[in-house]
PDB file of N, CA and C in Angstrom:
ATOM      1  N   MET A   1     -11.156   5.314   9.880  1.00  0.00           N
ATOM      2  CA  MET A   1     -10.632   4.709   8.671  1.00  0.00           C
ATOM      3  C   MET A   1      -9.620   3.634   9.085  1.00  0.00           C
ATOM      4  N   LYS A   2      -9.824   2.424   8.604  1.00  0.00           N
ATOM      5  CA  LYS A   2      -8.921   1.322   8.909  1.00  0.00           C
ATOM      6  C   LYS A   2      -7.889   1.202   7.788  1.00  0.00           C
ATOM      7  N   VAL A   3      -6.610   1.376   8.167  1.00  0.00           N
ATOM      8  CA  VAL A   3      -5.516   1.288   7.207  1.00  0.00           C
ATOM      9  C   VAL A   3      -4.671   0.074   7.559  1.00  0.00           C
ATOM     10  N   VAL A   4      -4.466  -0.793   6.578  1.00  0.00           N
ATOM     11  CA  VAL A   4      -3.649  -1.994   6.739  1.00  0.00           C
ATOM     12  C   VAL A   4      -2.520  -1.915   5.718  1.00  0.00           C
ATOM     13  N   ALA A   5      -1.315  -2.280   6.146  1.00  0.00           N
ATOM     14  CA  ALA A   5      -0.166  -2.185   5.249  1.00  0.00           C
ATOM     15  C   ALA A   5       0.555  -3.510   5.098  1.00  0.00           C
ATOM     16  N   LEU A   6       0.909  -3.824   3.884  1.00  0.00           N
ATOM     17  CA  LEU A   6       1.794  -4.947   3.582  1.00  0.00           C
ATOM     18  C   LEU A   6       3.174  -4.348   3.396  1.00  0.00           C
ATOM     19  N   VAL A   7       3.857  -4.180   4.511  1.00  0.00           N
ATOM     20  CA  VAL A   7       5.173  -3.559   4.553  1.00  0.00           C
ATOM     21  C   VAL A   7       5.991  -4.329   5.573  1.00  0.00           C
ATOM     22  N   ASP A   8       7.130  -4.865   5.162  1.00  0.00           N
ATOM     23  CA  ASP A   8       7.970  -5.650   6.061  1.00  0.00           C
ATOM     24  C   ASP A   8       9.113  -4.855   6.682  1.00  0.00           C
ATOM     25  N   ASP A   9       9.650  -3.892   5.959  1.00  0.00           N
ATOM     26  CA  ASP A   9      10.812  -3.143   6.428  1.00  0.00           C
ATOM     27  C   ASP A   9      10.479  -2.413   7.741  1.00  0.00           C
ATOM     28  N   LEU A  10      11.284  -2.652   8.769  1.00  0.00           N
ATOM     29  CA  LEU A  10      11.011  -2.086  10.091  1.00  0.00           C
ATOM     30  C   LEU A  10      11.087  -0.565  10.112  1.00  0.00           C
ATOM     31  N   MET A  11      11.996   0.013   9.364  1.00  0.00           N
ATOM     32  CA  MET A  11      12.081   1.477   9.299  1.00  0.00           C
ATOM     33  C   MET A  11      10.836   2.058   8.624  1.00  0.00           C
ATOM     34  N   ASP A  12      10.404   1.417   7.558  1.00  0.00           N
ATOM     35  CA  ASP A  12       9.193   1.877   6.883  1.00  0.00           C
ATOM     36  C   ASP A  12       7.982   1.734   7.791  1.00  0.00           C
ATOM     37  N   ARG A  13       7.901   0.642   8.521  1.00  0.00           N
ATOM     38  CA  ARG A  13       6.795   0.448   9.467  1.00  0.00           C
ATOM     39  C   ARG A  13       6.782   1.548  10.514  1.00  0.00           C
ATOM     40  N   SER A  14       7.952   1.884  11.009  1.00  0.00           N
ATOM     41  CA  SER A  14       8.054   2.943  12.011  1.00  0.00           C
ATOM     42  C   SER A  14       7.585   4.280  11.441  1.00  0.00           C
ATOM     43  N   ARG A  15       8.004   4.593  10.246  1.00  0.00           N
ATOM     44  CA  ARG A  15       7.591   5.849   9.603  1.00  0.00           C
ATOM     45  C   ARG A  15       6.076   5.873   9.391  1.00  0.00           C
ATOM     46  N   LEU A  16       5.522   4.749   8.969  1.00  0.00           N
ATOM     47  CA  LEU A  16       4.075   4.690   8.747  1.00  0.00           C
ATOM     48  C   LEU A  16       3.307   4.789  10.053  1.00  0.00           C
ATOM     49  N   SER A  17       3.779   4.121  11.081  1.00  0.00           N
ATOM     50  CA  SER A  17       3.104   4.184  12.388  1.00  0.00           C
ATOM     51  C   SER A  17       3.097   5.605  12.939  1.00  0.00           C
ATOM     52  N   GLY A  18       4.162   6.346  12.688  1.00  0.00           N
ATOM     53  CA  GLY A  18       4.231   7.725  13.133  1.00  0.00           C
ATOM     54  C   GLY A  18       3.335   8.659  12.343  1.00  0.00           C
ATOM     55  N   ALA A  19       3.042   8.300  11.108  1.00  0.00           N
ATOM     56  CA  ALA A  19       2.267   9.179  10.227  1.00  0.00           C
ATOM     57  C   ALA A  19       0.785   8.842  10.162  1.00  0.00           C
ATOM     58  N   ILE A  20       0.435   7.571  10.374  1.00  0.00           N
ATOM     59  CA  ILE A  20      -0.956   7.134  10.197  1.00  0.00           C
ATOM     60  C   ILE A  20      -1.424   6.458  11.476  1.00  0.00           C
ATOM     61  N   GLU A  21      -2.269   7.138  12.201  1.00  0.00           N
ATOM     62  CA  GLU A  21      -2.755   6.617  13.484  1.00  0.00           C
ATOM     63  C   GLU A  21      -3.539   5.318  13.296  1.00  0.00           C
ATOM     64  N   GLY A  22      -3.208   4.307  14.094  1.00  0.00           N
ATOM     65  CA  GLY A  22      -3.952   3.058  14.090  1.00  0.00           C
ATOM     66  C   GLY A  22      -3.620   2.102  12.955  1.00  0.00           C
ATOM     67  N   ILE A  23      -2.610   2.405  12.156  1.00  0.00           N
ATOM     68  CA  ILE A  23      -2.256   1.514  11.050  1.00  0.00           C
ATOM     69  C   ILE A  23      -1.849   0.147  11.605  1.00  0.00           C
ATOM     70  N   THR A  24      -2.235  -0.902  10.894  1.00  0.00           N
ATOM     71  CA  THR A  24      -1.827  -2.257  11.264  1.00  0.00           C
ATOM     72  C   THR A  24      -1.061  -2.862  10.097  1.00  0.00           C
ATOM     73  N   PHE A  25      -0.309  -3.905  10.388  1.00  0.00           N
ATOM     74  CA  PHE A  25       0.540  -4.526   9.379  1.00  0.00           C
ATOM     75  C   PHE A  25       0.189  -6.000   9.248  1.00  0.00           C
ATOM     76  N   THR A  26       0.271  -6.487   8.018  1.00  0.00           N
ATOM     77  CA  THR A  26      -0.024  -7.883   7.723  1.00  0.00           C
ATOM     78  C   THR A  26       0.894  -8.344   6.605  1.00  0.00           C
ATOM     79  N   ARG A  27       0.847  -9.630   6.335  1.00  0.00           N
ATOM     80  CA  ARG A  27       1.609 -10.179   5.212  1.00  0.00           C
ATOM     81  C   ARG A  27       0.720 -10.951   4.252  1.00  0.00           C
ATOM     82  N   THR A  28      -0.590 -10.924   4.480  1.00  0.00           N
ATOM     83  CA  THR A  28      -1.504 -11.708   3.654  1.00  0.00           C
ATOM     84  C   THR A  28      -2.731 -10.906   3.264  1.00  0.00           C
ATOM     85  N   ALA A  29      -3.386 -11.347   2.211  1.00  0.00           N
ATOM     86  CA  ALA A  29      -4.638 -10.723   1.792  1.00  0.00           C
ATOM     87  C   ALA A  29      -5.708 -10.893   2.869  1.00  0.00           C
ATOM     88  N   ASP A  30      -5.693 -12.031   3.557  1.00  0.00           N
ATOM     89  CA  ASP A  30      -6.668 -12.262   4.620  1.00  0.00           C
ATOM     90  C   ASP A  30      -6.571 -11.216   5.729  1.00  0.00           C
ATOM     91  N   GLY A  31      -5.374 -10.721   5.963  1.00  0.00           N
ATOM     92  CA  GLY A  31      -5.164  -9.715   6.997  1.00  0.00           C
ATOM     93  C   GLY A  31      -5.716  -8.350   6.635  1.00  0.00           C
ATOM     94  N   CYS A  32      -6.202  -8.201   5.421  1.00  0.00           N
ATOM     95  CA  CYS A  32      -6.729  -6.918   4.955  1.00  0.00           C
ATOM     96  C   CYS A  32      -8.254  -6.837   5.022  1.00  0.00           C
ATOM     97  N   ALA A  33      -8.879  -7.873   5.565  1.00  0.00           N
ATOM     98  CA  ALA A  33     -10.343  -7.880   5.645  1.00  0.00           C
ATOM     99  C   ALA A  33     -10.832  -6.623   6.353  1.00  0.00           C
ATOM    100  N   ASP A  34     -11.856  -6.029   5.829  1.00  0.00           N
ATOM    101  CA  ASP A  34     -12.497  -4.830   6.382  1.00  0.00           C
ATOM    102  C   ASP A  34     -11.633  -3.573   6.336  1.00  0.00           C
ATOM    103  N   ALA A  35     -10.544  -3.596   5.607  1.00  0.00           N
ATOM    104  CA  ALA A  35      -9.704  -2.405   5.491  1.00  0.00           C
ATOM    105  C   ALA A  35     -10.377  -1.379   4.583  1.00  0.00           C
ATOM    106  N   ASP A  36     -10.226  -0.131   4.937  1.00  0.00           N
ATOM    107  CA  ASP A  36     -10.675   0.967   4.070  1.00  0.00           C
ATOM    108  C   ASP A  36      -9.571   1.324   3.081  1.00  0.00           C
ATOM    109  N   VAL A  37      -8.333   1.194   3.565  1.00  0.00           N
ATOM    110  CA  VAL A  37      -7.158   1.494   2.747  1.00  0.00           C
ATOM    111  C   VAL A  37      -6.127   0.393   2.959  1.00  0.00           C
ATOM    112  N   VAL A  38      -5.534  -0.065   1.865  1.00  0.00           N
ATOM    113  CA  VAL A  38      -4.450  -1.044   1.928  1.00  0.00           C
ATOM    114  C   VAL A  38      -3.220  -0.407   1.291  1.00  0.00           C
ATOM    115  N   VAL A  39      -2.125  -0.376   2.038  1.00  0.00           N
ATOM    116  CA  VAL A  39      -0.852   0.139   1.539  1.00  0.00           C
ATOM    117  C   VAL A  39       0.004  -1.062   1.172  1.00  0.00           C
ATOM    118  N   VAL A  40       0.559  -1.060  -0.036  1.00  0.00           N
ATOM    119  CA  VAL A  40       1.344  -2.194  -0.517  1.00  0.00           C
ATOM    120  C   VAL A  40       2.738  -1.728  -0.921  1.00  0.00           C
ATOM    121  N   ASP A  41       3.758  -2.332  -0.315  1.00  0.00           N
ATOM    122  CA  ASP A  41       5.148  -2.097  -0.701  1.00  0.00           C
ATOM    123  C   ASP A  41       5.457  -3.009  -1.882  1.00  0.00           C
ATOM    124  N   LEU A  42       5.595  -2.430  -3.044  1.00  0.00           N
ATOM    125  CA  LEU A  42       5.789  -3.209  -4.263  1.00  0.00           C
ATOM    126  C   LEU A  42       7.144  -3.905  -4.316  1.00  0.00           C
ATOM    127  N   ALA A  43       8.103  -3.452  -3.525  1.00  0.00           N
ATOM    128  CA  ALA A  43       9.409  -4.109  -3.513  1.00  0.00           C
ATOM    129  C   ALA A  43       9.293  -5.537  -3.004  1.00  0.00           C
ATOM    130  N   ARG A  44       8.309  -5.795  -2.172  1.00  0.00           N
ATOM    131  CA  ARG A  44       8.136  -7.134  -1.594  1.00  0.00           C
ATOM    132  C   ARG A  44       6.818  -7.790  -2.025  1.00  0.00           C
ATOM    133  N   TYR A  45       5.795  -7.003  -2.240  1.00  0.00           N
ATOM    134  CA  TYR A  45       4.452  -7.550  -2.449  1.00  0.00           C
ATOM    135  C   TYR A  45       3.816  -7.184  -3.796  1.00  0.00           C
ATOM    136  N   ALA A  46       4.621  -6.941  -4.804  1.00  0.00           N
ATOM    137  CA  ALA A  46       4.079  -6.555  -6.113  1.00  0.00           C
ATOM    138  C   ALA A  46       3.106  -7.592  -6.666  1.00  0.00           C
ATOM    139  N   SER A  47       3.393  -8.846  -6.434  1.00  0.00           N
ATOM    140  CA  SER A  47       2.548  -9.903  -6.999  1.00  0.00           C
ATOM    141  C   SER A  47       1.229 -10.080  -6.258  1.00  0.00           C
ATOM    142  N   THR A  48       1.012  -9.344  -5.180  1.00  0.00           N
ATOM    143  CA  THR A  48      -0.209  -9.523  -4.393  1.00  0.00           C
ATOM    144  C   THR A  48      -1.280  -8.469  -4.647  1.00  0.00           C
ATOM    145  N   VAL A  49      -0.999  -7.484  -5.480  1.00  0.00           N
ATOM    146  CA  VAL A  49      -1.966  -6.402  -5.683  1.00  0.00           C
ATOM    147  C   VAL A  49      -3.299  -6.943  -6.186  1.00  0.00           C
ATOM    148  N   GLY A  50      -3.276  -7.852  -7.129  1.00  0.00           N
ATOM    149  CA  GLY A  50      -4.514  -8.440  -7.643  1.00  0.00           C
ATOM    150  C   GLY A  50      -5.278  -9.181  -6.562  1.00  0.00           C
ATOM    151  N   ALA A  51      -4.572  -9.914  -5.712  1.00  0.00           N
ATOM    152  CA  ALA A  51      -5.216 -10.622  -4.599  1.00  0.00           C
ATOM    153  C   ALA A  51      -5.807  -9.644  -3.595  1.00  0.00           C
ATOM    154  N   MET A  52      -5.131  -8.528  -3.376  1.00  0.00           N
ATOM    155  CA  MET A  52      -5.665  -7.500  -2.471  1.00  0.00           C
ATOM    156  C   MET A  52      -6.967  -6.942  -3.030  1.00  0.00           C
ATOM    157  N   ARG A  53      -6.963  -6.674  -4.331  1.00  0.00           N
ATOM    158  CA  ARG A  53      -8.182  -6.121  -4.958  1.00  0.00           C
ATOM    159  C   ARG A  53      -9.335  -7.103  -4.811  1.00  0.00           C
ATOM    160  N   ALA A  54      -9.063  -8.395  -4.981  1.00  0.00           N
ATOM    161  CA  ALA A  54     -10.121  -9.403  -4.844  1.00  0.00           C
ATOM    162  C   ALA A  54     -10.563  -9.551  -3.398  1.00  0.00           C
ATOM    163  N   ALA A  55      -9.621  -9.462  -2.456  1.00  0.00           N
ATOM    164  CA  ALA A  55      -9.941  -9.661  -1.041  1.00  0.00           C
ATOM    165  C   ALA A  55     -10.705  -8.478  -0.451  1.00  0.00           C
ATOM    166  N   VAL A  56     -10.386  -7.288  -0.887  1.00  0.00           N
ATOM    167  CA  VAL A  56     -11.045  -6.078  -0.370  1.00  0.00           C
ATOM    168  C   VAL A  56     -11.424  -5.180  -1.544  1.00  0.00           C
ATOM    169  N   PRO A  57     -12.469  -5.572  -2.272  1.00  0.00           N
ATOM    170  CA  PRO A  57     -12.810  -4.872  -3.512  1.00  0.00           C
ATOM    171  C   PRO A  57     -13.176  -3.404  -3.339  1.00  0.00           C
ATOM    172  N   ASN A  58     -13.622  -3.017  -2.154  1.00  0.00           N
ATOM    173  CA  ASN A  58     -14.021  -1.632  -1.939  1.00  0.00           C
ATOM    174  C   ASN A  58     -12.948  -0.781  -1.284  1.00  0.00           C
ATOM    175  N   ALA A  59     -11.827  -1.373  -0.951  1.00  0.00           N
ATOM    176  CA  ALA A  59     -10.746  -0.625  -0.304  1.00  0.00           C
ATOM    177  C   ALA A  59      -9.982   0.204  -1.329  1.00  0.00           C
ATOM    178  N   ARG A  60      -9.403   1.257  -0.853  1.00  0.00           N
ATOM    179  CA  ARG A  60      -8.489   2.076  -1.663  1.00  0.00           C
ATOM    180  C   ARG A  60      -7.112   1.427  -1.525  1.00  0.00           C
ATOM    181  N   ILE A  61      -6.497   1.052  -2.627  1.00  0.00           N
ATOM    182  CA  ILE A  61      -5.182   0.423  -2.591  1.00  0.00           C
ATOM    183  C   ILE A  61      -4.141   1.447  -3.036  1.00  0.00           C
ATOM    184  N   VAL A  62      -3.200   1.684  -2.129  1.00  0.00           N
ATOM    185  CA  VAL A  62      -2.110   2.625  -2.389  1.00  0.00           C
ATOM    186  C   VAL A  62      -0.823   1.813  -2.427  1.00  0.00           C
ATOM    187  N   ALA A  63      -0.171   1.815  -3.570  1.00  0.00           N
ATOM    188  CA  ALA A  63       1.057   1.042  -3.747  1.00  0.00           C
ATOM    189  C   ALA A  63       2.231   1.982  -3.948  1.00  0.00           C
ATOM    190  N   PHE A  64       3.379   1.591  -3.401  1.00  0.00           N
ATOM    191  CA  PHE A  64       4.586   2.379  -3.619  1.00  0.00           C
ATOM    192  C   PHE A  64       5.750   1.452  -3.930  1.00  0.00           C
ATOM    193  N   GLY A  65       6.696   1.971  -4.709  1.00  0.00           N
ATOM    194  CA  GLY A  65       7.845   1.160  -5.070  1.00  0.00           C
ATOM    195  C   GLY A  65       8.966   2.019  -5.608  1.00  0.00           C
ATOM    196  N   PRO A  66      10.074   1.398  -5.945  1.00  0.00           N
ATOM    197  CA  PRO A  66      11.232   2.135  -6.458  1.00  0.00           C
ATOM    198  C   PRO A  66      10.899   2.900  -7.737  1.00  0.00           C
ATOM    199  N   HIS A  67      11.315   4.150  -7.801  1.00  0.00           N
ATOM    200  CA  HIS A  67      10.992   4.972  -8.975  1.00  0.00           C
ATOM    201  C   HIS A  67      11.631   4.443 -10.250  1.00  0.00           C
ATOM    202  N   VAL A  68      12.664   3.652 -10.122  1.00  0.00           N
ATOM    203  CA  VAL A  68      13.341   3.118 -11.312  1.00  0.00           C
ATOM    204  C   VAL A  68      12.679   1.859 -11.864  1.00  0.00           C
ATOM    205  N   ASP A  69      11.698   1.342 -11.149  1.00  0.00           N
ATOM    206  CA  ASP A  69      11.032   0.107 -11.572  1.00  0.00           C
ATOM    207  C   ASP A  69       9.701   0.434 -12.247  1.00  0.00           C
ATOM    208  N   ASP A  70       9.804   1.041 -13.408  1.00  0.00           N
ATOM    209  CA  ASP A  70       8.610   1.478 -14.137  1.00  0.00           C
ATOM    210  C   ASP A  70       7.635   0.349 -14.418  1.00  0.00           C
ATOM    211  N   ALA A  71       8.153  -0.815 -14.761  1.00  0.00           N
ATOM    212  CA  ALA A  71       7.282  -1.942 -15.108  1.00  0.00           C
ATOM    213  C   ALA A  71       6.446  -2.385 -13.909  1.00  0.00           C
ATOM    214  N   THR A  72       7.046  -2.467 -12.740  1.00  0.00           N
ATOM    215  CA  THR A  72       6.310  -2.878 -11.543  1.00  0.00           C
ATOM    216  C   THR A  72       5.282  -1.826 -11.152  1.00  0.00           C
ATOM    217  N   LEU A  73       5.658  -0.574 -11.218  1.00  0.00           N
ATOM    218  CA  LEU A  73       4.710   0.499 -10.889  1.00  0.00           C
ATOM    219  C   LEU A  73       3.517   0.460 -11.839  1.00  0.00           C
ATOM    220  N   ALA A  74       3.774   0.301 -13.119  1.00  0.00           N
ATOM    221  CA  ALA A  74       2.687   0.239 -14.104  1.00  0.00           C
ATOM    222  C   ALA A  74       1.812  -0.993 -13.886  1.00  0.00           C
ATOM    223  N   GLN A  75       2.433  -2.128 -13.614  1.00  0.00           N
ATOM    224  CA  GLN A  75       1.673  -3.365 -13.407  1.00  0.00           C
ATOM    225  C   GLN A  75       0.772  -3.272 -12.187  1.00  0.00           C
ATOM    226  N   ALA A  76       1.201  -2.575 -11.156  1.00  0.00           N
ATOM    227  CA  ALA A  76       0.374  -2.414  -9.956  1.00  0.00           C
ATOM    228  C   ALA A  76      -0.938  -1.713 -10.297  1.00  0.00           C
ATOM    229  N   GLY A  77      -0.872  -0.722 -11.166  1.00  0.00           N
ATOM    230  CA  GLY A  77      -2.091  -0.039 -11.601  1.00  0.00           C
ATOM    231  C   GLY A  77      -2.997  -0.961 -12.392  1.00  0.00           C
ATOM    232  N   VAL A  78      -2.418  -1.749 -13.268  1.00  0.00           N
ATOM    233  CA  VAL A  78      -3.177  -2.720 -14.052  1.00  0.00           C
ATOM    234  C   VAL A  78      -3.836  -3.753 -13.135  1.00  0.00           C
ATOM    235  N   ASP A  79      -3.110  -4.154 -12.088  1.00  0.00           N
ATOM    236  CA  ASP A  79      -3.616  -5.184 -11.173  1.00  0.00           C
ATOM    237  C   ASP A  79      -4.666  -4.684 -10.192  1.00  0.00           C
ATOM    238  N   GLY A  80      -4.884  -3.369 -10.154  1.00  0.00           N
ATOM    239  CA  GLY A  80      -5.972  -2.871  -9.329  1.00  0.00           C
ATOM    240  C   GLY A  80      -5.644  -1.830  -8.289  1.00  0.00           C
ATOM    241  N   ALA A  81      -4.394  -1.383  -8.215  1.00  0.00           N
ATOM    242  CA  ALA A  81      -4.061  -0.314  -7.270  1.00  0.00           C
ATOM    243  C   ALA A  81      -4.719   0.984  -7.720  1.00  0.00           C
ATOM    244  N   ASP A  82      -5.292   1.695  -6.776  1.00  0.00           N
ATOM    245  CA  ASP A  82      -5.936   2.979  -7.074  1.00  0.00           C
ATOM    246  C   ASP A  82      -4.917   4.093  -7.228  1.00  0.00           C
ATOM    247  N   VAL A  83      -3.860   4.011  -6.430  1.00  0.00           N
ATOM    248  CA  VAL A  83      -2.801   5.013  -6.449  1.00  0.00           C
ATOM    249  C   VAL A  83      -1.475   4.264  -6.474  1.00  0.00           C
ATOM    250  N   VAL A  84      -0.584   4.652  -7.378  1.00  0.00           N
ATOM    251  CA  VAL A  84       0.748   4.053  -7.452  1.00  0.00           C
ATOM    252  C   VAL A  84       1.758   5.197  -7.432  1.00  0.00           C
ATOM    253  N   LEU A  85       2.645   5.147  -6.433  1.00  0.00           N
ATOM    254  CA  LEU A  85       3.603   6.228  -6.247  1.00  0.00           C
ATOM    255  C   LEU A  85       5.025   5.695  -6.149  1.00  0.00           C
ATOM    256  N   ALA A  86       5.956   6.517  -6.575  1.00  0.00           N
ATOM    257  CA  ALA A  86       7.352   6.212  -6.299  1.00  0.00           C
ATOM    258  C   ALA A  86       7.540   6.269  -4.791  1.00  0.00           C
ATOM    259  N   ARG A  87       8.407   5.454  -4.282  1.00  0.00           N
ATOM    260  CA  ARG A  87       8.660   5.373  -2.845  1.00  0.00           C
ATOM    261  C   ARG A  87       8.949   6.752  -2.229  1.00  0.00           C
ATOM    262  N   SER A  88       9.789   7.521  -2.885  1.00  0.00           N
ATOM    263  CA  SER A  88      10.164   8.840  -2.351  1.00  0.00           C
ATOM    264  C   SER A  88       8.959   9.768  -2.251  1.00  0.00           C
ATOM    265  N   VAL A  89       8.081   9.714  -3.209  1.00  0.00           N
ATOM    266  CA  VAL A  89       6.874  10.542  -3.193  1.00  0.00           C
ATOM    267  C   VAL A  89       5.937  10.072  -2.084  1.00  0.00           C
ATOM    268  N   PHE A  90       5.750   8.769  -1.970  1.00  0.00           N
ATOM    269  CA  PHE A  90       4.866   8.226  -0.928  1.00  0.00           C
ATOM    270  C   PHE A  90       5.326   8.652   0.458  1.00  0.00           C
ATOM    271  N   PHE A  91       6.615   8.535   0.739  1.00  0.00           N
ATOM    272  CA  PHE A  91       7.105   8.819   2.084  1.00  0.00           C
ATOM    273  C   PHE A  91       7.272  10.301   2.387  1.00  0.00           C
ATOM    274  N   ARG A  92       7.037  11.171   1.425  1.00  0.00           N
ATOM    275  CA  ARG A  92       7.003  12.609   1.740  1.00  0.00           C
ATOM    276  C   ARG A  92       5.852  12.897   2.686  1.00  0.00           C
ATOM    277  N   ASP A  93       4.720  12.221   2.466  1.00  0.00           N
ATOM    278  CA  ASP A  93       3.551  12.409   3.335  1.00  0.00           C
ATOM    279  C   ASP A  93       2.638  11.200   3.207  1.00  0.00           C
ATOM    280  N   PRO A  94       2.954  10.119   3.934  1.00  0.00           N
ATOM    281  CA  PRO A  94       2.150   8.895   3.828  1.00  0.00           C
ATOM    282  C   PRO A  94       0.677   9.106   4.194  1.00  0.00           C
ATOM    283  N   ALA A  95       0.418   9.945   5.174  1.00  0.00           N
ATOM    284  CA  ALA A  95      -0.977  10.188   5.582  1.00  0.00           C
ATOM    285  C   ALA A  95      -1.770  10.807   4.425  1.00  0.00           C
ATOM    286  N   GLU A  96      -1.172  11.714   3.711  1.00  0.00           N
ATOM    287  CA  GLU A  96      -1.829  12.328   2.557  1.00  0.00           C
ATOM    288  C   GLU A  96      -2.049  11.300   1.451  1.00  0.00           C
ATOM    289  N   ALA A  97      -1.101  10.408   1.272  1.00  0.00           N
ATOM    290  CA  ALA A  97      -1.197   9.407   0.215  1.00  0.00           C
ATOM    291  C   ALA A  97      -2.365   8.460   0.415  1.00  0.00           C
ATOM    292  N   VAL A  98      -2.724   8.190   1.654  1.00  0.00           N
ATOM    293  CA  VAL A  98      -3.814   7.230   1.905  1.00  0.00           C
ATOM    294  C   VAL A  98      -5.186   7.897   1.975  1.00  0.00           C
ATOM    295  N   THR A  99      -5.228   9.220   1.893  1.00  0.00           N
ATOM    296  CA  THR A  99      -6.518   9.903   1.961  1.00  0.00           C
ATOM    297  C   THR A  99      -7.117  10.076   0.576  1.00  0.00           C
ATOM    298  N   GLU A 100      -8.411   9.940   0.502  1.00  0.00           N
ATOM    299  CA  GLU A 100      -9.118  10.124  -0.788  1.00  0.00           C
ATOM    300  C   GLU A 100      -8.945  11.537  -1.281  1.00  0.00           C
ATOM    301  N   LYS A 101      -8.754  11.673  -2.570  1.00  0.00           N
ATOM    302  CA  LYS A 101      -8.652  13.008  -3.177  1.00  0.00           C
ATOM    303  C   LYS A 101      -9.744  13.194  -4.153  1.00  0.00           C
TER     304      LYS A 101
END
């Protein structure tokens, strides 16, 4: 399973690398080509969810963001994210969050 993440924060990248084997990081929709799963940090990349859906229509898009930002979390679902989680919930078990249920 190829997992690509749009995550800039170095601590978050470290946590994801420790939890998801082989994860790669990008800053563009082009960097998500052939991804099975795309992880999107809504704090930085909320406006790109629609572009991610268009770039990788068959990928599972997992978005996370601040629990207090209800509007952004809701908009991510409208824009095409398959799973939208509060940041705290996502980081409890990132590997579980990216797996199909």
